[in-house]
Amino acid sequence: MSGCEVIPVVFGEERKAVQYSIDSLSTYVNIFLFLTLVNALLSRFAVVKSPVELAPGVSGLYFAVSFMIVFALWYGIWGALSAYLGCMVGAGILASMPLKLNIIWSFADLWQVLIPLAAFAYFKADIGLKTKRDFLVFLVFGVFINNFVGALWGSYTLFLDGMITWAEFFTAFEGWFLGNIVVAIVLIPFLLRYITPYIKQTKSYVDNFSS
């Protein structure tokens, strides 16, 4: 094969690679937008239907966090970012929370999904929870530590902004933390154990933070 014949082949392969990257990015952007919409709706519904009103935008049983965590473990950083934006829209904007506060406050949901995502990646645990070690990683980082950080962050930012008093801070933190523990233990193991195998078979599945 001459040099002139090699050049078109090389450029052809490069074009295919670029097109694949564009298609892949487009797929994940669409997933991100869809998950953001789902998270926003779940967040709004969880806040509106909360059995106890702990504080503005805070649900006593914030079941949306369970799906946010699962989405992050399935779709990596795309799922994590959709949790942040979904919270900002569903629990913040639609709850008439001031934008300046909302931008900072919504990081609570980001921490709640990033911590387990990072832990599963660092410890190389299987998100399908196939072993006791996998389940232990989930309990420590996907139920307790992440929700403690999220509840503390969210409640404290509300206090600093004057949305709640110091006494209400403890009530909000306790309700947020304990409520998240309940919904996480009840919903997440089922979703990870039984739905993950099907998600892993799709091209959209993201291992750890990014494909």
Protein backbone atom coordinates (compact mmCIF):
# COMPACT_ATOMS: atom_id res chain seq x y z
CA MET A 1 0.00 0.00 0.00
CA SER A 2 1.40 3.38 -1.01
CA GLY A 3 1.60 6.45 1.20
CA CYS A 4 -1.28 8.04 -0.70
CA GLU A 5 -3.46 5.04 0.05
CA VAL A 6 -2.57 5.04 3.76
CA ILE A 7 -3.64 8.67 4.35
CA PRO A 8 -7.36 8.17 3.52
CA VAL A 9 -7.45 5.07 5.75
CA VAL A 10 -5.90 6.97 8.68
CA PHE A 11 -8.24 9.92 8.29
CA GLY A 12 -11.15 7.53 7.91
CA GLU A 13 -10.35 5.89 11.24
CA GLU A 14 -9.96 9.29 12.89
CA ARG A 15 -13.36 10.39 11.58
CA LYS A 16 -14.93 7.22 12.96
CA ALA A 17 -13.32 7.83 16.35
CA VAL A 18 -14.52 11.43 16.44
CA GLN A 19 -18.02 10.43 15.39
CA TYR A 20 -18.09 7.73 18.08
CA SER A 21 -17.03 10.27 20.70
CA ILE A 22 -19.73 12.69 19.58
CA ASP A 23 -22.40 9.98 19.62
CA SER A 24 -21.24 8.79 23.04
CA LEU A 25 -21.28 12.31 24.47
CA SER A 26 -24.72 12.92 23.00
CA THR A 27 -26.00 9.73 24.64
CA TYR A 28 -24.74 10.72 28.08
CA VAL A 29 -26.00 14.28 27.78
CA ASN A 30 -29.44 12.88 27.00
CA ILE A 31 -29.17 10.53 29.98
CA PHE A 32 -28.11 13.45 32.19
CA LEU A 33 -31.09 15.55 31.10
CA PHE A 34 -33.51 12.67 31.57
CA LEU A 35 -32.17 11.82 35.03
CA THR A 36 -32.27 15.48 36.01
CA LEU A 37 -35.95 15.58 35.10
CA VAL A 38 -36.66 12.36 37.01
CA ASN A 39 -34.73 13.56 40.06
CA ALA A 40 -36.49 16.92 40.01
CA LEU A 41 -39.91 15.26 39.92
CA LEU A 42 -38.98 12.78 42.65
CA SER A 43 -37.55 15.55 44.82
CA ARG A 44 -40.61 17.72 44.42
CA PHE A 45 -42.97 14.85 45.15
CA ALA A 46 -40.95 13.76 48.20
CA VAL A 47 -41.04 17.28 49.65
CA VAL A 48 -44.73 17.88 48.91
CA LYS A 49 -45.80 14.48 50.26
CA SER A 50 -43.48 14.54 53.28
CA PRO A 51 -45.22 13.21 56.41
CA VAL A 52 -43.34 15.81 58.45
CA GLU A 53 -42.24 19.29 57.36
CA LEU A 54 -38.76 19.55 58.86
CA ALA A 55 -37.64 22.72 57.08
CA PRO A 56 -38.04 24.47 53.71
CA GLY A 57 -37.29 21.93 50.98
CA VAL A 58 -36.60 19.14 53.49
CA SER A 59 -38.62 15.91 53.50
CA GLY A 60 -38.97 13.55 56.44
CA LEU A 61 -38.82 10.62 54.01
CA TYR A 62 -36.78 11.86 51.07
CA PHE A 63 -37.07 8.71 48.96
CA ALA A 64 -35.66 10.60 45.97
CA VAL A 65 -32.16 10.22 47.43
CA SER A 66 -32.32 6.44 46.99
CA PHE A 67 -32.84 6.77 43.25
CA MET A 68 -30.21 9.52 43.02
CA ILE A 69 -27.61 7.25 44.63
CA VAL A 70 -28.50 4.36 42.35
CA PHE A 71 -28.42 6.58 39.26
CA ALA A 72 -24.94 7.80 40.25
CA LEU A 73 -23.68 4.23 40.68
CA TRP A 74 -25.13 3.30 37.29
CA TYR A 75 -24.19 6.40 35.30
CA GLY A 76 -21.20 7.84 37.15
CA ILE A 77 -20.60 11.57 37.13
CA TRP A 78 -23.63 12.08 34.88
CA GLY A 79 -25.87 10.57 37.53
CA ALA A 80 -24.15 12.55 40.28
CA LEU A 81 -24.56 15.89 38.51
CA SER A 82 -28.20 15.10 37.75
CA ALA A 83 -28.76 14.62 41.49
CA TYR A 84 -27.44 18.11 42.19
CA LEU A 85 -29.45 19.81 39.46
CA GLY A 86 -32.54 17.71 40.15
CA CYS A 87 -32.45 18.73 43.80
CA MET A 88 -31.93 22.37 42.86
CA VAL A 89 -35.02 22.31 40.66
CA GLY A 90 -37.36 19.96 42.52
CA ALA A 91 -36.62 20.72 46.16
CA GLY A 92 -35.27 24.24 45.68
CA ILE A 93 -36.66 26.27 42.79
CA LEU A 94 -40.12 24.66 42.89
CA ALA A 95 -40.15 25.20 46.66
CA SER A 96 -39.41 28.92 46.14
CA MET A 97 -36.01 28.71 47.81
CA PRO A 98 -33.79 31.78 47.20
CA LEU A 99 -31.42 31.04 44.30
CA LYS A 100 -28.25 32.05 46.15
CA LEU A 101 -29.06 29.65 48.99
CA ASN A 102 -30.32 26.96 46.62
CA ILE A 103 -27.03 26.79 44.72
CA ILE A 104 -25.12 26.03 47.92
CA TRP A 105 -27.82 24.02 49.69
CA SER A 106 -28.28 21.58 46.78
CA PHE A 107 -24.71 20.36 47.25
CA ALA A 108 -26.18 18.25 50.05
CA ASP A 109 -27.64 15.86 47.47
CA LEU A 110 -24.39 15.91 45.50
CA TRP A 111 -22.40 14.77 48.56
CA GLN A 112 -24.99 12.09 49.25
CA VAL A 113 -24.34 10.47 45.86
CA LEU A 114 -20.67 11.31 45.30
CA ILE A 115 -19.50 9.69 48.54
CA PRO A 116 -20.86 6.20 47.72
CA LEU A 117 -19.77 6.57 44.09
CA ALA A 118 -16.21 7.36 45.17
CA ALA A 119 -16.23 4.59 47.79
CA PHE A 120 -17.33 1.87 45.39
CA ALA A 121 -14.65 3.01 42.94
CA TYR A 122 -11.89 3.24 45.57
CA PHE A 123 -12.63 -0.11 47.23
CA LYS A 124 -13.42 -1.77 43.89
CA ALA A 125 -16.70 -3.01 45.32
CA ASP A 126 -19.41 -4.48 43.11
CA ILE A 127 -22.50 -2.25 42.95
CA GLY A 128 -24.55 -5.42 42.52
CA LEU A 129 -23.82 -6.11 46.21
CA LYS A 130 -22.67 -9.65 45.52
CA THR A 131 -20.58 -10.08 48.68
CA LYS A 132 -20.74 -9.08 52.34
CA ARG A 133 -17.84 -6.69 51.67
CA ASP A 134 -19.83 -4.98 48.92
CA PHE A 135 -22.80 -4.62 51.24
CA LEU A 136 -20.56 -3.25 54.01
CA VAL A 137 -19.19 -0.58 51.65
CA PHE A 138 -22.76 0.29 50.76
CA LEU A 139 -23.86 0.56 54.41
CA VAL A 140 -20.91 2.67 55.52
CA PHE A 141 -20.68 5.02 52.54
CA GLY A 142 -24.09 4.73 50.88
CA VAL A 143 -26.29 4.88 53.97
CA PHE A 144 -24.52 6.41 56.96
CA ILE A 145 -21.55 8.65 56.07
CA ASN A 146 -23.04 10.17 52.93
CA ASN A 147 -26.40 10.93 54.52
CA PHE A 148 -24.74 12.31 57.64
CA VAL A 149 -22.71 14.71 55.51
CA GLY A 150 -25.71 15.63 53.37
CA ALA A 151 -28.00 16.22 56.34
CA LEU A 152 -25.36 18.28 58.12
CA TRP A 153 -24.59 20.36 55.04
CA GLY A 154 -28.21 20.96 54.13
CA SER A 155 -29.44 21.77 57.62
CA TYR A 156 -26.49 24.00 58.45
CA THR A 157 -26.76 26.04 55.25
CA LEU A 158 -30.45 26.64 56.03
CA PHE A 159 -29.45 27.83 59.50
CA LEU A 160 -26.69 30.10 58.21
CA ASP A 161 -29.10 31.72 55.78
CA GLY A 162 -31.65 32.31 58.53
CA MET A 163 -34.25 29.93 57.10
CA ILE A 164 -34.32 27.96 60.37
CA THR A 165 -33.30 28.67 63.97
CA TRP A 166 -30.52 26.91 65.86
CA ALA A 167 -33.10 24.77 67.68
CA GLU A 168 -34.76 23.87 64.38
CA PHE A 169 -31.36 22.94 62.96
CA PHE A 170 -31.15 19.88 65.22
CA THR A 171 -34.69 18.80 64.33
CA ALA A 172 -34.01 19.22 60.61
CA PHE A 173 -30.68 17.40 60.79
CA GLU A 174 -32.05 14.47 62.79
CA GLY A 175 -35.13 14.07 60.60
CA TRP A 176 -33.11 14.39 57.39
CA PHE A 177 -30.44 11.91 58.49
CA LEU A 178 -32.76 9.27 59.95
CA GLY A 179 -35.30 9.58 57.14
CA ASN A 180 -32.61 9.10 54.50
CA ILE A 181 -31.26 6.05 56.34
CA VAL A 182 -34.69 4.43 56.24
CA VAL A 183 -35.35 5.01 52.53
CA ALA A 184 -31.77 4.07 51.59
CA ILE A 185 -31.86 0.73 53.40
CA VAL A 186 -35.33 -0.13 52.11
CA LEU A 187 -34.95 0.81 48.43
CA ILE A 188 -31.31 0.82 47.32
CA PRO A 189 -30.27 -2.82 47.96
CA PHE A 190 -33.23 -4.08 45.92
CA LEU A 191 -32.47 -1.76 43.00
CA LEU A 192 -28.74 -2.51 43.00
CA ARG A 193 -29.05 -6.25 43.39
CA TYR A 194 -31.82 -6.93 40.89
CA ILE A 195 -31.72 -4.10 38.36
CA THR A 196 -27.95 -3.56 38.06
CA PRO A 197 -27.32 -6.74 35.98
CA TYR A 198 -29.67 -5.41 33.29
CA ILE A 199 -28.18 -1.90 33.39
CA LYS A 200 -24.66 -3.32 32.99
CA GLN A 201 -25.71 -4.95 29.72
CA THR A 202 -26.54 -1.58 28.18
CA LYS A 203 -24.04 0.67 26.41
CA SER A 204 -25.06 3.57 28.63
CA TYR A 205 -23.73 1.96 31.82
CA VAL A 206 -20.81 3.87 33.34
CA ASP A 207 -18.23 2.00 35.39
CA ASN A 208 -17.15 4.20 38.32
CA PHE A 209 -17.03 7.92 37.42
CA SER A 210 -16.88 7.79 33.63
CA SER A 211 -16.59 5.31 30.80
